[in-house]
Amino acid sequence: MSVTGTVHDGLRTLSGGQYSIEVEGCLAVENGAAPDLLIEASHTVGDIYAVVRQAASKSPIEIRLNQNGSVYCTLTIPAGGTISNPQDGTLLPPLISGARVTMDITAVGQTNPGSDLTVSIRL
């Protein structure tokens, strides 16, 4: 029997809280687009999503989060949109104590790249 009612079985001990990673101003394709986030204690993730203040035009904004240099998840904000679909944390490994989480912006809008990005990792 699944305690959480998901196909993944088991108990998700979400610890509460949230991490936010922000990039102020116009976006550009860039590795290490924000300061590294150091995880102080291991956590399971509830979900991850991204928002921008100003939407990109003609092409989506694509974001890659890495944990200790390996791809953790990707997010896409569609052209003309201001929020990504949430990435379900039950499909992701835990954030590990002492890990570095980095953010790369891998694509931006063509005419308007978008601006003021915030990625929220809800625990």
PDB file of N, CA and C in Angstrom:
ATOM      1  N   MET A   1       0.840  -1.179   0.000  1.00  0.00           N
ATOM      2  CA  MET A   1       0.000   0.000   0.000  1.00  0.00           C
ATOM      3  C   MET A   1       0.891   1.250   0.000  1.00  0.00           C
ATOM      4  N   SER A   2       0.522   2.229  -0.765  1.00  0.00           N
ATOM      5  CA  SER A   2       1.284   3.472  -0.858  1.00  0.00           C
ATOM      6  C   SER A   2       0.819   4.445   0.213  1.00  0.00           C
ATOM      7  N   VAL A   3       1.749   4.907   1.035  1.00  0.00           N
ATOM      8  CA  VAL A   3       1.419   5.851   2.098  1.00  0.00           C
ATOM      9  C   VAL A   3       1.072   7.220   1.519  1.00  0.00           C
ATOM     10  N   THR A   4       1.728   7.606   0.431  1.00  0.00           N
ATOM     11  CA  THR A   4       1.513   8.928  -0.140  1.00  0.00           C
ATOM     12  C   THR A   4       0.474   8.948  -1.245  1.00  0.00           C
ATOM     13  N   GLY A   5      -0.026   7.809  -1.648  1.00  0.00           N
ATOM     14  CA  GLY A   5      -0.996   7.767  -2.724  1.00  0.00           C
ATOM     15  C   GLY A   5      -0.389   7.974  -4.093  1.00  0.00           C
ATOM     16  N   THR A   6       0.929   7.765  -4.224  1.00  0.00           N
ATOM     17  CA  THR A   6       1.592   7.890  -5.521  1.00  0.00           C
ATOM     18  C   THR A   6       2.099   6.522  -5.940  1.00  0.00           C
ATOM     19  N   VAL A   7       2.469   6.404  -7.187  1.00  0.00           N
ATOM     20  CA  VAL A   7       3.008   5.145  -7.686  1.00  0.00           C
ATOM     21  C   VAL A   7       4.421   4.894  -7.178  1.00  0.00           C
ATOM     22  N   HIS A   8       5.014   5.877  -6.483  1.00  0.00           N
ATOM     23  CA  HIS A   8       6.390   5.759  -6.012  1.00  0.00           C
ATOM     24  C   HIS A   8       6.498   5.107  -4.644  1.00  0.00           C
ATOM     25  N   ASP A   9       5.356   4.865  -3.986  1.00  0.00           N
ATOM     26  CA  ASP A   9       5.296   4.250  -2.663  1.00  0.00           C
ATOM     27  C   ASP A   9       6.115   5.041  -1.645  1.00  0.00           C
ATOM     28  N   GLY A  10       5.976   4.649  -0.414  1.00  0.00           N
ATOM     29  CA  GLY A  10       6.793   5.237   0.641  1.00  0.00           C
ATOM     30  C   GLY A  10       6.281   6.557   1.151  1.00  0.00           C
ATOM     31  N   LEU A  11       6.895   7.017   2.196  1.00  0.00           N
ATOM     32  CA  LEU A  11       6.521   8.257   2.856  1.00  0.00           C
ATOM     33  C   LEU A  11       7.480   9.365   2.446  1.00  0.00           C
ATOM     34  N   ARG A  12       6.944  10.462   1.923  1.00  0.00           N
ATOM     35  CA  ARG A  12       7.756  11.630   1.573  1.00  0.00           C
ATOM     36  C   ARG A  12       7.776  12.534   2.798  1.00  0.00           C
ATOM     37  N   THR A  13       8.913  12.685   3.416  1.00  0.00           N
ATOM     38  CA  THR A  13       9.025  13.485   4.633  1.00  0.00           C
ATOM     39  C   THR A  13       9.444  14.898   4.294  1.00  0.00           C
ATOM     40  N   LEU A  14       8.602  15.589   3.582  1.00  0.00           N
ATOM     41  CA  LEU A  14       8.904  16.963   3.195  1.00  0.00           C
ATOM     42  C   LEU A  14       9.115  17.785   4.459  1.00  0.00           C
ATOM     43  N   SER A  15      10.231  18.464   4.538  1.00  0.00           N
ATOM     44  CA  SER A  15      10.608  19.165   5.764  1.00  0.00           C
ATOM     45  C   SER A  15      10.055  20.580   5.838  1.00  0.00           C
ATOM     46  N   GLY A  16       9.406  21.022   4.811  1.00  0.00           N
ATOM     47  CA  GLY A  16       8.889  22.379   4.792  1.00  0.00           C
ATOM     48  C   GLY A  16       9.969  23.362   4.383  1.00  0.00           C
ATOM     49  N   GLY A  17       9.567  24.533   4.010  1.00  0.00           N
ATOM     50  CA  GLY A  17      10.514  25.560   3.604  1.00  0.00           C
ATOM     51  C   GLY A  17      10.652  25.629   2.098  1.00  0.00           C
ATOM     52  N   GLN A  18      11.546  26.508   1.686  1.00  0.00           N
ATOM     53  CA  GLN A  18      11.721  26.759   0.260  1.00  0.00           C
ATOM     54  C   GLN A  18      13.086  27.384   0.019  1.00  0.00           C
ATOM     55  N   TYR A  19      13.704  27.022  -1.090  1.00  0.00           N
ATOM     56  CA  TYR A  19      14.895  27.705  -1.585  1.00  0.00           C
ATOM     57  C   TYR A  19      14.465  28.536  -2.785  1.00  0.00           C
ATOM     58  N   SER A  20      15.042  29.707  -2.945  1.00  0.00           N
ATOM     59  CA  SER A  20      14.797  30.538  -4.117  1.00  0.00           C
ATOM     60  C   SER A  20      16.137  30.929  -4.725  1.00  0.00           C
ATOM     61  N   ILE A  21      16.195  30.850  -6.041  1.00  0.00           N
ATOM     62  CA  ILE A  21      17.372  31.270  -6.793  1.00  0.00           C
ATOM     63  C   ILE A  21      16.900  32.363  -7.746  1.00  0.00           C
ATOM     64  N   GLU A  22      17.562  33.521  -7.729  1.00  0.00           N
ATOM     65  CA  GLU A  22      17.074  34.659  -8.495  1.00  0.00           C
ATOM     66  C   GLU A  22      18.133  35.230  -9.426  1.00  0.00           C
ATOM     67  N   VAL A  23      17.662  35.699 -10.586  1.00  0.00           N
ATOM     68  CA  VAL A  23      18.495  36.431 -11.543  1.00  0.00           C
ATOM     69  C   VAL A  23      17.750  37.715 -11.864  1.00  0.00           C
ATOM     70  N   GLU A  24      18.339  38.843 -11.495  1.00  0.00           N
ATOM     71  CA  GLU A  24      17.706  40.142 -11.700  1.00  0.00           C
ATOM     72  C   GLU A  24      18.058  40.684 -13.079  1.00  0.00           C
ATOM     73  N   GLY A  25      17.103  41.352 -13.712  1.00  0.00           N
ATOM     74  CA  GLY A  25      17.336  42.011 -14.989  1.00  0.00           C
ATOM     75  C   GLY A  25      17.095  41.104 -16.180  1.00  0.00           C
ATOM     76  N   CYS A  26      17.544  41.572 -17.354  1.00  0.00           N
ATOM     77  CA  CYS A  26      17.359  40.816 -18.602  1.00  0.00           C
ATOM     78  C   CYS A  26      18.157  39.521 -18.551  1.00  0.00           C
ATOM     79  N   LEU A  27      17.560  38.459 -19.062  1.00  0.00           N
ATOM     80  CA  LEU A  27      18.198  37.148 -19.038  1.00  0.00           C
ATOM     81  C   LEU A  27      19.097  36.954 -20.247  1.00  0.00           C
ATOM     82  N   ALA A  28      20.084  36.094 -20.090  1.00  0.00           N
ATOM     83  CA  ALA A  28      20.991  35.718 -21.176  1.00  0.00           C
ATOM     84  C   ALA A  28      21.366  34.257 -20.978  1.00  0.00           C
ATOM     85  N   VAL A  29      21.740  33.590 -22.054  1.00  0.00           N
ATOM     86  CA  VAL A  29      22.236  32.221 -21.946  1.00  0.00           C
ATOM     87  C   VAL A  29      23.529  32.281 -21.139  1.00  0.00           C
ATOM     88  N   GLU A  30      23.556  31.510 -20.042  1.00  0.00           N
ATOM     89  CA  GLU A  30      24.695  31.618 -19.125  1.00  0.00           C
ATOM     90  C   GLU A  30      24.760  30.411 -18.202  1.00  0.00           C
ATOM     91  N   ASN A  31      25.936  29.830 -18.064  1.00  0.00           N
ATOM     92  CA  ASN A  31      26.170  28.817 -17.037  1.00  0.00           C
ATOM     93  C   ASN A  31      26.484  29.539 -15.733  1.00  0.00           C
ATOM     94  N   GLY A  32      26.004  29.009 -14.613  1.00  0.00           N
ATOM     95  CA  GLY A  32      26.235  29.660 -13.334  1.00  0.00           C
ATOM     96  C   GLY A  32      25.585  31.031 -13.288  1.00  0.00           C
ATOM     97  N   ALA A  33      24.320  31.109 -13.695  1.00  0.00           N
ATOM     98  CA  ALA A  33      23.623  32.391 -13.816  1.00  0.00           C
ATOM     99  C   ALA A  33      23.349  33.068 -12.478  1.00  0.00           C
ATOM    100  N   ALA A  34      23.426  32.320 -11.393  1.00  0.00           N
ATOM    101  CA  ALA A  34      23.199  32.863 -10.046  1.00  0.00           C
ATOM    102  C   ALA A  34      24.246  32.260  -9.115  1.00  0.00           C
ATOM    103  N   PRO A  35      24.446  32.862  -7.950  1.00  0.00           N
ATOM    104  CA  PRO A  35      25.378  32.253  -6.991  1.00  0.00           C
ATOM    105  C   PRO A  35      24.957  30.830  -6.628  1.00  0.00           C
ATOM    106  N   ASP A  36      25.938  29.975  -6.357  1.00  0.00           N
ATOM    107  CA  ASP A  36      25.655  28.592  -5.970  1.00  0.00           C
ATOM    108  C   ASP A  36      24.829  28.558  -4.694  1.00  0.00           C
ATOM    109  N   LEU A  37      23.956  27.575  -4.601  1.00  0.00           N
ATOM    110  CA  LEU A  37      23.150  27.343  -3.411  1.00  0.00           C
ATOM    111  C   LEU A  37      23.744  26.144  -2.690  1.00  0.00           C
ATOM    112  N   LEU A  38      24.126  26.307  -1.435  1.00  0.00           N
ATOM    113  CA  LEU A  38      24.705  25.225  -0.646  1.00  0.00           C
ATOM    114  C   LEU A  38      23.603  24.620   0.220  1.00  0.00           C
ATOM    115  N   ILE A  39      23.376  23.328   0.084  1.00  0.00           N
ATOM    116  CA  ILE A  39      22.322  22.635   0.826  1.00  0.00           C
ATOM    117  C   ILE A  39      22.855  22.274   2.211  1.00  0.00           C
ATOM    118  N   GLU A  40      22.192  22.769   3.266  1.00  0.00           N
ATOM    119  CA  GLU A  40      22.698  22.582   4.628  1.00  0.00           C
ATOM    120  C   GLU A  40      22.316  21.237   5.225  1.00  0.00           C
ATOM    121  N   ALA A  41      21.211  20.647   4.772  1.00  0.00           N
ATOM    122  CA  ALA A  41      20.777  19.338   5.267  1.00  0.00           C
ATOM    123  C   ALA A  41      20.014  18.650   4.153  1.00  0.00           C
ATOM    124  N   SER A  42      20.046  17.330   4.119  1.00  0.00           N
ATOM    125  CA  SER A  42      19.341  16.591   3.068  1.00  0.00           C
ATOM    126  C   SER A  42      17.837  16.850   3.149  1.00  0.00           C
ATOM    127  N   HIS A  43      17.214  17.004   1.979  1.00  0.00           N
ATOM    128  CA  HIS A  43      15.774  17.279   1.888  1.00  0.00           C
ATOM    129  C   HIS A  43      15.184  16.536   0.700  1.00  0.00           C
ATOM    130  N   THR A  44      13.950  16.083   0.852  1.00  0.00           N
ATOM    131  CA  THR A  44      13.187  15.687  -0.318  1.00  0.00           C
ATOM    132  C   THR A  44      12.521  16.943  -0.858  1.00  0.00           C
ATOM    133  N   VAL A  45      12.185  16.936  -2.127  1.00  0.00           N
ATOM    134  CA  VAL A  45      11.627  18.109  -2.785  1.00  0.00           C
ATOM    135  C   VAL A  45      10.146  17.880  -3.063  1.00  0.00           C
ATOM    136  N   GLY A  46       9.330  18.900  -2.779  1.00  0.00           N
ATOM    137  CA  GLY A  46       7.911  18.844  -3.117  1.00  0.00           C
ATOM    138  C   GLY A  46       7.710  19.136  -4.592  1.00  0.00           C
ATOM    139  N   ASP A  47       8.190  20.283  -5.036  1.00  0.00           N
ATOM    140  CA  ASP A  47       8.155  20.630  -6.456  1.00  0.00           C
ATOM    141  C   ASP A  47       9.115  21.786  -6.714  1.00  0.00           C
ATOM    142  N   ILE A  48       9.371  22.029  -7.987  1.00  0.00           N
ATOM    143  CA  ILE A  48      10.257  23.110  -8.427  1.00  0.00           C
ATOM    144  C   ILE A  48       9.562  23.804  -9.590  1.00  0.00           C
ATOM    145  N   TYR A  49       9.572  25.127  -9.583  1.00  0.00           N
ATOM    146  CA  TYR A  49       9.008  25.864 -10.703  1.00  0.00           C
ATOM    147  C   TYR A  49       9.775  27.174 -10.885  1.00  0.00           C
ATOM    148  N   ALA A  50       9.575  27.809 -12.036  1.00  0.00           N
ATOM    149  CA  ALA A  50      10.264  29.061 -12.356  1.00  0.00           C
ATOM    150  C   ALA A  50       9.246  30.104 -12.797  1.00  0.00           C
ATOM    151  N   VAL A  51       9.508  31.360 -12.442  1.00  0.00           N
ATOM    152  CA  VAL A  51       8.680  32.476 -12.882  1.00  0.00           C
ATOM    153  C   VAL A  51       9.576  33.611 -13.356  1.00  0.00           C
ATOM    154  N   VAL A  52       9.065  34.406 -14.285  1.00  0.00           N
ATOM    155  CA  VAL A  52       9.740  35.621 -14.727  1.00  0.00           C
ATOM    156  C   VAL A  52       8.770  36.781 -14.609  1.00  0.00           C
ATOM    157  N   ARG A  53       9.308  37.977 -14.422  1.00  0.00           N
ATOM    158  CA  ARG A  53       8.451  39.168 -14.363  1.00  0.00           C
ATOM    159  C   ARG A  53       7.993  39.551 -15.763  1.00  0.00           C
ATOM    160  N   GLN A  54       8.920  39.479 -16.723  1.00  0.00           N
ATOM    161  CA  GLN A  54       8.575  39.816 -18.106  1.00  0.00           C
ATOM    162  C   GLN A  54       8.799  38.587 -18.976  1.00  0.00           C
ATOM    163  N   ALA A  55       7.786  38.218 -19.742  1.00  0.00           N
ATOM    164  CA  ALA A  55       7.830  37.017 -20.577  1.00  0.00           C
ATOM    165  C   ALA A  55       8.824  37.164 -21.727  1.00  0.00           C
ATOM    166  N   ALA A  56       9.329  36.037 -22.183  1.00  0.00           N
ATOM    167  CA  ALA A  56      10.187  35.984 -23.375  1.00  0.00           C
ATOM    168  C   ALA A  56       9.300  35.948 -24.617  1.00  0.00           C
ATOM    169  N   SER A  57       9.848  36.376 -25.740  1.00  0.00           N
ATOM    170  CA  SER A  57       9.075  36.337 -26.976  1.00  0.00           C
ATOM    171  C   SER A  57       9.743  35.440 -28.018  1.00  0.00           C
ATOM    172  N   LYS A  58       8.927  34.775 -28.780  1.00  0.00           N
ATOM    173  CA  LYS A  58       9.286  33.932 -29.930  1.00  0.00           C
ATOM    174  C   LYS A  58       9.955  32.611 -29.589  1.00  0.00           C
ATOM    175  N   SER A  59      10.530  32.448 -28.412  1.00  0.00           N
ATOM    176  CA  SER A  59      11.082  31.151 -28.012  1.00  0.00           C
ATOM    177  C   SER A  59      11.064  31.060 -26.485  1.00  0.00           C
ATOM    178  N   PRO A  60      11.066  29.839 -25.953  1.00  0.00           N
ATOM    179  CA  PRO A  60      10.951  29.674 -24.497  1.00  0.00           C
ATOM    180  C   PRO A  60      12.251  29.977 -23.752  1.00  0.00           C
ATOM    181  N   ILE A  61      12.099  30.164 -22.448  1.00  0.00           N
ATOM    182  CA  ILE A  61      13.237  30.253 -21.539  1.00  0.00           C
ATOM    183  C   ILE A  61      13.455  28.847 -20.990  1.00  0.00           C
ATOM    184  N   GLU A  62      14.678  28.358 -21.086  1.00  0.00           N
ATOM    185  CA  GLU A  62      14.993  27.016 -20.586  1.00  0.00           C
ATOM    186  C   GLU A  62      16.053  27.124 -19.496  1.00  0.00           C
ATOM    187  N   ILE A  63      15.797  26.416 -18.402  1.00  0.00           N
ATOM    188  CA  ILE A  63      16.648  26.488 -17.213  1.00  0.00           C
ATOM    189  C   ILE A  63      17.063  25.086 -16.817  1.00  0.00           C
ATOM    190  N   ARG A  64      18.318  24.936 -16.431  1.00  0.00           N
ATOM    191  CA  ARG A  64      18.826  23.645 -15.957  1.00  0.00           C
ATOM    192  C   ARG A  64      19.362  23.836 -14.543  1.00  0.00           C
ATOM    193  N   LEU A  65      18.886  23.022 -13.609  1.00  0.00           N
ATOM    194  CA  LEU A  65      19.433  23.000 -12.258  1.00  0.00           C
ATOM    195  C   LEU A  65      20.353  21.797 -12.142  1.00  0.00           C
ATOM    196  N   ASN A  66      21.486  22.003 -11.512  1.00  0.00           N
ATOM    197  CA  ASN A  66      22.484  20.950 -11.331  1.00  0.00           C
ATOM    198  C   ASN A  66      22.734  20.744  -9.842  1.00  0.00           C
ATOM    199  N   GLN A  67      22.974  19.508  -9.452  1.00  0.00           N
ATOM    200  CA  GLN A  67      23.401  19.198  -8.092  1.00  0.00           C
ATOM    201  C   GLN A  67      24.784  18.570  -8.185  1.00  0.00           C
ATOM    202  N   ASN A  68      25.774  19.226  -7.600  1.00  0.00           N
ATOM    203  CA  ASN A  68      27.169  18.773  -7.646  1.00  0.00           C
ATOM    204  C   ASN A  68      27.637  18.491  -9.072  1.00  0.00           C
ATOM    205  N   GLY A  69      27.230  19.348 -10.010  1.00  0.00           N
ATOM    206  CA  GLY A  69      27.697  19.251 -11.385  1.00  0.00           C
ATOM    207  C   GLY A  69      26.904  18.326 -12.286  1.00  0.00           C
ATOM    208  N   SER A  70      25.947  17.579 -11.735  1.00  0.00           N
ATOM    209  CA  SER A  70      25.105  16.687 -12.545  1.00  0.00           C
ATOM    210  C   SER A  70      23.719  17.289 -12.690  1.00  0.00           C
ATOM    211  N   VAL A  71      23.108  17.103 -13.857  1.00  0.00           N
ATOM    212  CA  VAL A  71      21.779  17.662 -14.093  1.00  0.00           C
ATOM    213  C   VAL A  71      20.794  17.105 -13.074  1.00  0.00           C
ATOM    214  N   TYR A  72      20.093  18.011 -12.391  1.00  0.00           N
ATOM    215  CA  TYR A  72      19.084  17.637 -11.402  1.00  0.00           C
ATOM    216  C   TYR A  72      17.688  17.691 -12.030  1.00  0.00           C
ATOM    217  N   CYS A  73      17.378  18.788 -12.726  1.00  0.00           N
ATOM    218  CA  CYS A  73      16.113  18.893 -13.453  1.00  0.00           C
ATOM    219  C   CYS A  73      16.192  20.045 -14.442  1.00  0.00           C
ATOM    220  N   THR A  74      15.241  20.088 -15.358  1.00  0.00           N
ATOM    221  CA  THR A  74      15.136  21.194 -16.308  1.00  0.00           C
ATOM    222  C   THR A  74      13.729  21.779 -16.211  1.00  0.00           C
ATOM    223  N   LEU A  75      13.649  23.071 -16.476  1.00  0.00           N
ATOM    224  CA  LEU A  75      12.379  23.790 -16.453  1.00  0.00           C
ATOM    225  C   LEU A  75      12.267  24.601 -17.732  1.00  0.00           C
ATOM    226  N   THR A  76      11.039  24.758 -18.225  1.00  0.00           N
ATOM    227  CA  THR A  76      10.801  25.553 -19.424  1.00  0.00           C
ATOM    228  C   THR A  76       9.647  26.507 -19.180  1.00  0.00           C
ATOM    229  N   ILE A  77       9.892  27.781 -19.455  1.00  0.00           N
ATOM    230  CA  ILE A  77       8.833  28.790 -19.440  1.00  0.00           C
ATOM    231  C   ILE A  77       8.511  29.066 -20.906  1.00  0.00           C
ATOM    232  N   PRO A  78       7.290  28.764 -21.347  1.00  0.00           N
ATOM    233  CA  PRO A  78       6.988  28.929 -22.773  1.00  0.00           C
ATOM    234  C   PRO A  78       7.051  30.390 -23.221  1.00  0.00           C
ATOM    235  N   ALA A  79       7.318  30.596 -24.499  1.00  0.00           N
ATOM    236  CA  ALA A  79       7.330  31.950 -25.061  1.00  0.00           C
ATOM    237  C   ALA A  79       5.986  32.602 -24.758  1.00  0.00           C
ATOM    238  N   GLY A  80       6.020  33.839 -24.276  1.00  0.00           N
ATOM    239  CA  GLY A  80       4.805  34.561 -23.929  1.00  0.00           C
ATOM    240  C   GLY A  80       4.275  34.247 -22.538  1.00  0.00           C
ATOM    241  N   GLY A  81       4.844  33.225 -21.879  1.00  0.00           N
ATOM    242  CA  GLY A  81       4.391  32.830 -20.545  1.00  0.00           C
ATOM    243  C   GLY A  81       5.294  33.383 -19.463  1.00  0.00           C
ATOM    244  N   THR A  82       4.797  33.358 -18.234  1.00  0.00           N
ATOM    245  CA  THR A  82       5.598  33.867 -17.123  1.00  0.00           C
ATOM    246  C   THR A  82       5.873  32.811 -16.058  1.00  0.00           C
ATOM    247  N   ILE A  83       5.385  31.588 -16.248  1.00  0.00           N
ATOM    248  CA  ILE A  83       5.619  30.536 -15.257  1.00  0.00           C
ATOM    249  C   ILE A  83       5.804  29.195 -15.963  1.00  0.00           C
ATOM    250  N   SER A  84       6.684  28.375 -15.396  1.00  0.00           N
ATOM    251  CA  SER A  84       6.907  27.028 -15.948  1.00  0.00           C
ATOM    252  C   SER A  84       5.900  26.060 -15.342  1.00  0.00           C
ATOM    253  N   ASN A  85       5.767  24.903 -15.957  1.00  0.00           N
ATOM    254  CA  ASN A  85       5.039  23.822 -15.301  1.00  0.00           C
ATOM    255  C   ASN A  85       5.883  23.372 -14.124  1.00  0.00           C
ATOM    256  N   PRO A  86       5.257  23.005 -13.003  1.00  0.00           N
ATOM    257  CA  PRO A  86       6.063  22.533 -11.864  1.00  0.00           C
ATOM    258  C   PRO A  86       6.690  21.172 -12.149  1.00  0.00           C
ATOM    259  N   GLN A  87       7.909  20.993 -11.684  1.00  0.00           N
ATOM    260  CA  GLN A  87       8.597  19.701 -11.762  1.00  0.00           C
ATOM    261  C   GLN A  87       8.264  18.950 -10.484  1.00  0.00           C
ATOM    262  N   ASP A  88       7.650  17.789 -10.596  1.00  0.00           N
ATOM    263  CA  ASP A  88       7.211  16.995  -9.448  1.00  0.00           C
ATOM    264  C   ASP A  88       8.411  16.440  -8.688  1.00  0.00           C
ATOM    265  N   GLY A  89       8.508  16.767  -7.417  1.00  0.00           N
ATOM    266  CA  GLY A  89       9.628  16.324  -6.598  1.00  0.00           C
ATOM    267  C   GLY A  89       9.666  14.835  -6.337  1.00  0.00           C
ATOM    268  N   THR A  90       8.515  14.144  -6.458  1.00  0.00           N
ATOM    269  CA  THR A  90       8.528  12.694  -6.231  1.00  0.00           C
ATOM    270  C   THR A  90       9.313  11.968  -7.317  1.00  0.00           C
ATOM    271  N   LEU A  91       9.570  12.663  -8.426  1.00  0.00           N
ATOM    272  CA  LEU A  91      10.333  12.063  -9.521  1.00  0.00           C
ATOM    273  C   LEU A  91      11.818  12.416  -9.449  1.00  0.00           C
ATOM    274  N   LEU A  92      12.198  13.223  -8.444  1.00  0.00           N
ATOM    275  CA  LEU A  92      13.580  13.704  -8.317  1.00  0.00           C
ATOM    276  C   LEU A  92      14.272  13.072  -7.117  1.00  0.00           C
ATOM    277  N   PRO A  93      15.595  12.922  -7.190  1.00  0.00           N
ATOM    278  CA  PRO A  93      16.329  12.452  -6.009  1.00  0.00           C
ATOM    279  C   PRO A  93      16.338  13.545  -4.944  1.00  0.00           C
ATOM    280  N   PRO A  94      16.672  13.215  -3.710  1.00  0.00           N
ATOM    281  CA  PRO A  94      16.738  14.247  -2.671  1.00  0.00           C
ATOM    282  C   PRO A  94      17.887  15.213  -2.913  1.00  0.00           C
ATOM    283  N   LEU A  95      17.765  16.401  -2.348  1.00  0.00           N
ATOM    284  CA  LEU A  95      18.893  17.324  -2.273  1.00  0.00           C
ATOM    285  C   LEU A  95      19.753  16.839  -1.117  1.00  0.00           C
ATOM    286  N   ILE A  96      21.048  16.710  -1.339  1.00  0.00           N
ATOM    287  CA  ILE A  96      21.937  16.063  -0.379  1.00  0.00           C
ATOM    288  C   ILE A  96      22.699  17.102   0.436  1.00  0.00           C
ATOM    289  N   SER A  97      22.827  16.853   1.718  1.00  0.00           N
ATOM    290  CA  SER A  97      23.568  17.737   2.613  1.00  0.00           C
ATOM    291  C   SER A  97      24.967  18.011   2.063  1.00  0.00           C
ATOM    292  N   GLY A  98      25.335  19.286   2.003  1.00  0.00           N
ATOM    293  CA  GLY A  98      26.644  19.679   1.501  1.00  0.00           C
ATOM    294  C   GLY A  98      26.720  19.845  -0.003  1.00  0.00           C
ATOM    295  N   ALA A  99      25.633  19.521  -0.717  1.00  0.00           N
ATOM    296  CA  ALA A  99      25.650  19.633  -2.176  1.00  0.00           C
ATOM    297  C   ALA A  99      25.594  21.094  -2.611  1.00  0.00           C
ATOM    298  N   ARG A 100      26.136  21.346  -3.799  1.00  0.00           N
ATOM    299  CA  ARG A 100      26.019  22.664  -4.435  1.00  0.00           C
ATOM    300  C   ARG A 100      24.987  22.549  -5.549  1.00  0.00           C
ATOM    301  N   VAL A 101      24.004  23.433  -5.499  1.00  0.00           N
ATOM    302  CA  VAL A 101      23.005  23.512  -6.558  1.00  0.00           C
ATOM    303  C   VAL A 101      23.323  24.744  -7.388  1.00  0.00           C
ATOM    304  N   THR A 102      23.481  24.550  -8.688  1.00  0.00           N
ATOM    305  CA  THR A 102      23.785  25.649  -9.595  1.00  0.00           C
ATOM    306  C   THR A 102      22.688  25.757 -10.638  1.00  0.00           C
ATOM    307  N   MET A 103      22.574  26.933 -11.245  1.00  0.00           N
ATOM    308  CA  MET A 103      21.546  27.167 -12.248  1.00  0.00           C
ATOM    309  C   MET A 103      22.180  27.675 -13.535  1.00  0.00           C
ATOM    310  N   ASP A 104      21.809  27.039 -14.630  1.00  0.00           N
ATOM    311  CA  ASP A 104      22.227  27.472 -15.962  1.00  0.00           C
ATOM    312  C   ASP A 104      20.988  27.912 -16.731  1.00  0.00           C
ATOM    313  N   ILE A 105      21.083  29.000 -17.460  1.00  0.00           N
ATOM    314  CA  ILE A 105      20.031  29.403 -18.385  1.00  0.00           C
ATOM    315  C   ILE A 105      20.503  28.957 -19.754  1.00  0.00           C
ATOM    316  N   THR A 106      19.775  28.019 -20.352  1.00  0.00           N
ATOM    317  CA  THR A 106      20.236  27.407 -21.600  1.00  0.00           C
ATOM    318  C   THR A 106      19.557  27.975 -22.847  1.00  0.00           C
ATOM    319  N   ALA A 107      18.457  28.731 -22.677  1.00  0.00           N
ATOM    320  CA  ALA A 107      17.796  29.379 -23.814  1.00  0.00           C
ATOM    321  C   ALA A 107      16.966  30.545 -23.297  1.00  0.00           C
ATOM    322  N   VAL A 108      16.880  31.608 -24.106  1.00  0.00           N
ATOM    323  CA  VAL A 108      16.063  32.777 -23.782  1.00  0.00           C
ATOM    324  C   VAL A 108      15.266  33.171 -25.021  1.00  0.00           C
ATOM    325  N   GLY A 109      14.335  34.104 -24.860  1.00  0.00           N
ATOM    326  CA  GLY A 109      13.533  34.581 -25.978  1.00  0.00           C
ATOM    327  C   GLY A 109      14.386  35.261 -27.038  1.00  0.00           C
ATOM    328  N   GLN A 110      13.881  35.285 -28.272  1.00  0.00           N
ATOM    329  CA  GLN A 110      14.656  35.867 -29.373  1.00  0.00           C
ATOM    330  C   GLN A 110      14.568  37.389 -29.417  1.00  0.00           C
ATOM    331  N   THR A 111      13.357  37.942 -29.477  1.00  0.00           N
ATOM    332  CA  THR A 111      13.208  39.393 -29.542  1.00  0.00           C
ATOM    333  C   THR A 111      13.349  40.012 -28.162  1.00  0.00           C
ATOM    334  N   ASN A 112      12.670  39.420 -27.196  1.00  0.00           N
ATOM    335  CA  ASN A 112      12.780  39.836 -25.796  1.00  0.00           C
ATOM    336  C   ASN A 112      13.196  38.602 -25.007  1.00  0.00           C
ATOM    337  N   PRO A 113      14.341  38.632 -24.317  1.00  0.00           N
ATOM    338  CA  PRO A 113      14.841  37.435 -23.650  1.00  0.00           C
ATOM    339  C   PRO A 113      14.087  37.056 -22.380  1.00  0.00           C
ATOM    340  N   GLY A 114      13.280  37.970 -21.839  1.00  0.00           N
ATOM    341  CA  GLY A 114      12.641  37.757 -20.545  1.00  0.00           C
ATOM    342  C   GLY A 114      13.496  38.392 -19.468  1.00  0.00           C
ATOM    343  N   SER A 115      12.884  38.636 -18.306  1.00  0.00           N
ATOM    344  CA  SER A 115      13.655  39.276 -17.238  1.00  0.00           C
ATOM    345  C   SER A 115      13.157  38.875 -15.860  1.00  0.00           C
ATOM    346  N   ASP A 116      14.039  39.083 -14.885  1.00  0.00           N
ATOM    347  CA  ASP A 116      13.744  38.878 -13.465  1.00  0.00           C
ATOM    348  C   ASP A 116      13.220  37.466 -13.193  1.00  0.00           C
ATOM    349  N   LEU A 117      14.124  36.507 -13.250  1.00  0.00           N
ATOM    350  CA  LEU A 117      13.822  35.089 -13.076  1.00  0.00           C
ATOM    351  C   LEU A 117      13.942  34.675 -11.612  1.00  0.00           C
ATOM    352  N   THR A 118      12.982  33.908 -11.146  1.00  0.00           N
ATOM    353  CA  THR A 118      13.058  33.279  -9.828  1.00  0.00           C
ATOM    354  C   THR A 118      12.717  31.806  -9.978  1.00  0.00           C
ATOM    355  N   VAL A 119      13.594  30.947  -9.488  1.00  0.00           N
ATOM    356  CA  VAL A 119      13.339  29.508  -9.427  1.00  0.00           C
ATOM    357  C   VAL A 119      13.081  29.164  -7.966  1.00  0.00           C
ATOM    358  N   SER A 120      11.948  28.529  -7.699  1.00  0.00           N
ATOM    359  CA  SER A 120      11.570  28.149  -6.331  1.00  0.00           C
ATOM    360  C   SER A 120      11.615  26.641  -6.182  1.00  0.00           C
ATOM    361  N   ILE A 121      12.323  26.194  -5.161  1.00  0.00           N
ATOM    362  CA  ILE A 121      12.419  24.771  -4.825  1.00  0.00           C
ATOM    363  C   ILE A 121      11.668  24.612  -3.515  1.00  0.00           C
ATOM    364  N   ARG A 122      10.466  24.050  -3.579  1.00  0.00           N
ATOM    365  CA  ARG A 122       9.664  23.884  -2.360  1.00  0.00           C
ATOM    366  C   ARG A 122       9.942  22.525  -1.751  1.00  0.00           C
ATOM    367  N   LEU A 123      10.206  22.518  -0.454  1.00  0.00           N
ATOM    368  CA  LEU A 123      10.555  21.296   0.264  1.00  0.00           C
ATOM    369  C   LEU A 123       9.342  20.701   0.932  1.00  0.00           C
TER     370      LEU A 123
END
